[in-house]
Amino acid sequence: MVWIHRVIRHKDTDGSYYYAIHECFYHKPTDKIPHSWTEDEISPIGESIESLLKTLQRMNVACQKPTLEITEDGDHLREVNVDDKEEANKG
């Protein structure tokens, strides 16, 4: 099993979206969609500045990958198309 940081889009109670980074777990490195993820988003943390920078770099890579969203049943993730311009206009 392997894990990487991924961005998950969440729907707030008022219907608006927010984005958070989670640790996502894969059976194999070649899997496209993770099989599980951390319930709560994670914050950057490190035992040293160098370690913190590595965490931030992994989080930056996560922002370059397709955004994920939890399915209605709450048991799976799926990729979603996110139009940054559309999202910015909602705010």
C-alpha atoms as a PDB file:
ATOM      1  CA  MET A   1       0.000   0.000   0.000  1.00  0.00           C
ATOM      2  CA  VAL A   2       1.204   3.527  -0.788  1.00  0.00           C
ATOM      3  CA  TRP A   3      -0.092   6.968   0.110  1.00  0.00           C
ATOM      4  CA  ILE A   4       0.181  10.419  -1.414  1.00  0.00           C
ATOM      5  CA  HIS A   5      -1.315  13.827  -0.796  1.00  0.00           C
ATOM      6  CA  ARG A   6      -4.401  14.655  -2.895  1.00  0.00           C
ATOM      7  CA  VAL A   7      -6.848  17.539  -3.049  1.00  0.00           C
ATOM      8  CA  ILE A   8     -10.427  16.618  -2.182  1.00  0.00           C
ATOM      9  CA  ARG A   9     -13.329  18.961  -2.912  1.00  0.00           C
ATOM     10  CA  HIS A  10     -15.892  19.098  -0.105  1.00  0.00           C
ATOM     11  CA  LYS A  11     -19.415  20.493  -0.186  1.00  0.00           C
ATOM     12  CA  ASP A  12     -20.220  22.689   2.801  1.00  0.00           C
ATOM     13  CA  THR A  13     -23.622  22.772   4.481  1.00  0.00           C
ATOM     14  CA  ASP A  14     -24.533  25.975   2.593  1.00  0.00           C
ATOM     15  CA  GLY A  15     -23.820  24.280  -0.755  1.00  0.00           C
ATOM     16  CA  SER A  16     -20.496  26.019  -1.389  1.00  0.00           C
ATOM     17  CA  TYR A  17     -17.313  24.058  -2.061  1.00  0.00           C
ATOM     18  CA  TYR A  18     -13.991  24.098  -0.296  1.00  0.00           C
ATOM     19  CA  TYR A  19     -10.785  22.227  -1.047  1.00  0.00           C
ATOM     20  CA  ALA A  20      -8.479  20.441   1.364  1.00  0.00           C
ATOM     21  CA  ILE A  21      -5.436  18.202   1.190  1.00  0.00           C
ATOM     22  CA  HIS A  22      -5.777  14.657   2.519  1.00  0.00           C
ATOM     23  CA  GLU A  23      -3.526  11.645   2.676  1.00  0.00           C
ATOM     24  CA  CYS A  24      -4.928   9.136   0.184  1.00  0.00           C
ATOM     25  CA  PHE A  25      -4.090   5.449   0.176  1.00  0.00           C
ATOM     26  CA  TYR A  26      -3.650   3.224  -2.876  1.00  0.00           C
ATOM     27  CA  HIS A  27      -3.329  -0.547  -3.158  1.00  0.00           C
ATOM     28  CA  LYS A  28      -0.735  -0.075  -5.938  1.00  0.00           C
ATOM     29  CA  PRO A  29       1.216   2.980  -7.155  1.00  0.00           C
ATOM     30  CA  THR A  30      -0.421   2.552 -10.579  1.00  0.00           C
ATOM     31  CA  ASP A  31      -3.988   2.877  -9.226  1.00  0.00           C
ATOM     32  CA  LYS A  32      -5.782   5.969 -10.511  1.00  0.00           C
ATOM     33  CA  ILE A  33      -8.249   6.399  -7.636  1.00  0.00           C
ATOM     34  CA  PRO A  34      -7.362   5.847  -3.954  1.00  0.00           C
ATOM     35  CA  HIS A  35      -9.229   3.224  -1.958  1.00  0.00           C
ATOM     36  CA  SER A  36      -9.205   5.230   1.291  1.00  0.00           C
ATOM     37  CA  TRP A  37      -8.248   8.626   2.679  1.00  0.00           C
ATOM     38  CA  THR A  38      -7.874  10.495   5.936  1.00  0.00           C
ATOM     39  CA  GLU A  39     -11.199  11.697   7.320  1.00  0.00           C
ATOM     40  CA  ASP A  40      -9.787  15.091   8.271  1.00  0.00           C
ATOM     41  CA  GLU A  41      -7.647  17.302   6.086  1.00  0.00           C
ATOM     42  CA  ILE A  42      -3.996  17.561   6.988  1.00  0.00           C
ATOM     43  CA  SER A  43      -1.803  20.546   7.755  1.00  0.00           C
ATOM     44  CA  PRO A  44       1.810  20.938   6.715  1.00  0.00           C
ATOM     45  CA  ILE A  45       4.102  19.840   9.499  1.00  0.00           C
ATOM     46  CA  GLY A  46       7.726  18.761   9.760  1.00  0.00           C
ATOM     47  CA  GLU A  47      10.407  17.849  12.255  1.00  0.00           C
ATOM     48  CA  SER A  48      12.690  20.431  10.626  1.00  0.00           C
ATOM     49  CA  ILE A  49      12.432  23.223   8.078  1.00  0.00           C
ATOM     50  CA  GLU A  50      13.752  20.816   5.432  1.00  0.00           C
ATOM     51  CA  SER A  51      11.107  18.243   6.357  1.00  0.00           C
ATOM     52  CA  LEU A  52       8.400  20.923   6.286  1.00  0.00           C
ATOM     53  CA  LEU A  53       9.532  22.043   2.824  1.00  0.00           C
ATOM     54  CA  LYS A  54       9.317  18.459   1.546  1.00  0.00           C
ATOM     55  CA  THR A  55       5.763  18.207   2.861  1.00  0.00           C
ATOM     56  CA  LEU A  56       4.846  21.484   1.180  1.00  0.00           C
ATOM     57  CA  GLN A  57       6.364  20.253  -2.081  1.00  0.00           C
ATOM     58  CA  ARG A  58       4.240  17.077  -1.917  1.00  0.00           C
ATOM     59  CA  MET A  59       1.176  19.232  -1.255  1.00  0.00           C
ATOM     60  CA  ASN A  60       2.036  21.413  -4.227  1.00  0.00           C
ATOM     61  CA  VAL A  61       2.245  18.314  -6.431  1.00  0.00           C
ATOM     62  CA  ALA A  62      -1.203  17.309  -5.133  1.00  0.00           C
ATOM     63  CA  CYS A  63      -2.597  20.610  -6.409  1.00  0.00           C
ATOM     64  CA  GLN A  64      -1.377  19.729  -9.921  1.00  0.00           C
ATOM     65  CA  LYS A  65      -3.255  16.404  -9.995  1.00  0.00           C
ATOM     66  CA  PRO A  66      -6.966  16.039 -10.799  1.00  0.00           C
ATOM     67  CA  THR A  67      -9.230  17.050  -7.928  1.00  0.00           C
ATOM     68  CA  LEU A  68     -11.101  14.287  -6.121  1.00  0.00           C
ATOM     69  CA  GLU A  69     -14.561  14.353  -4.551  1.00  0.00           C
ATOM     70  CA  ILE A  70     -16.237  11.956  -2.139  1.00  0.00           C
ATOM     71  CA  THR A  71     -19.191  10.164  -3.737  1.00  0.00           C
ATOM     72  CA  GLU A  72     -22.720  10.584  -2.386  1.00  0.00           C
ATOM     73  CA  ASP A  73     -22.526   7.277  -0.535  1.00  0.00           C
ATOM     74  CA  GLY A  74     -19.394   8.511   1.252  1.00  0.00           C
ATOM     75  CA  ASP A  75     -17.506   5.316   0.456  1.00  0.00           C
ATOM     76  CA  HIS A  76     -15.544   6.223  -2.674  1.00  0.00           C
ATOM     77  CA  LEU A  77     -13.673   9.011  -4.405  1.00  0.00           C
ATOM     78  CA  ARG A  78     -14.043  10.161  -7.995  1.00  0.00           C
ATOM     79  CA  GLU A  79     -12.215  12.695 -10.137  1.00  0.00           C
ATOM     80  CA  VAL A  80     -14.076  15.953 -10.772  1.00  0.00           C
ATOM     81  CA  ASN A  81     -13.475  18.683 -13.296  1.00  0.00           C
ATOM     82  CA  VAL A  82     -12.849  21.989 -11.586  1.00  0.00           C
ATOM     83  CA  ASP A  83     -12.906  25.204 -13.567  1.00  0.00           C
ATOM     84  CA  ASP A  84     -10.857  27.676 -11.496  1.00  0.00           C
ATOM     85  CA  LYS A  85     -12.478  30.636 -13.236  1.00  0.00           C
ATOM     86  CA  GLU A  86     -15.946  29.332 -12.497  1.00  0.00           C
ATOM     87  CA  GLU A  87     -15.064  28.693  -8.849  1.00  0.00           C
ATOM     88  CA  ALA A  88     -13.508  32.165  -8.482  1.00  0.00           C
ATOM     89  CA  ASN A  89     -16.660  33.812  -9.841  1.00  0.00           C
ATOM     90  CA  LYS A  90     -18.786  32.092  -7.206  1.00  0.00           C
ATOM     91  CA  GLY A  91     -16.827  33.769  -4.422  1.00  0.00           C
END
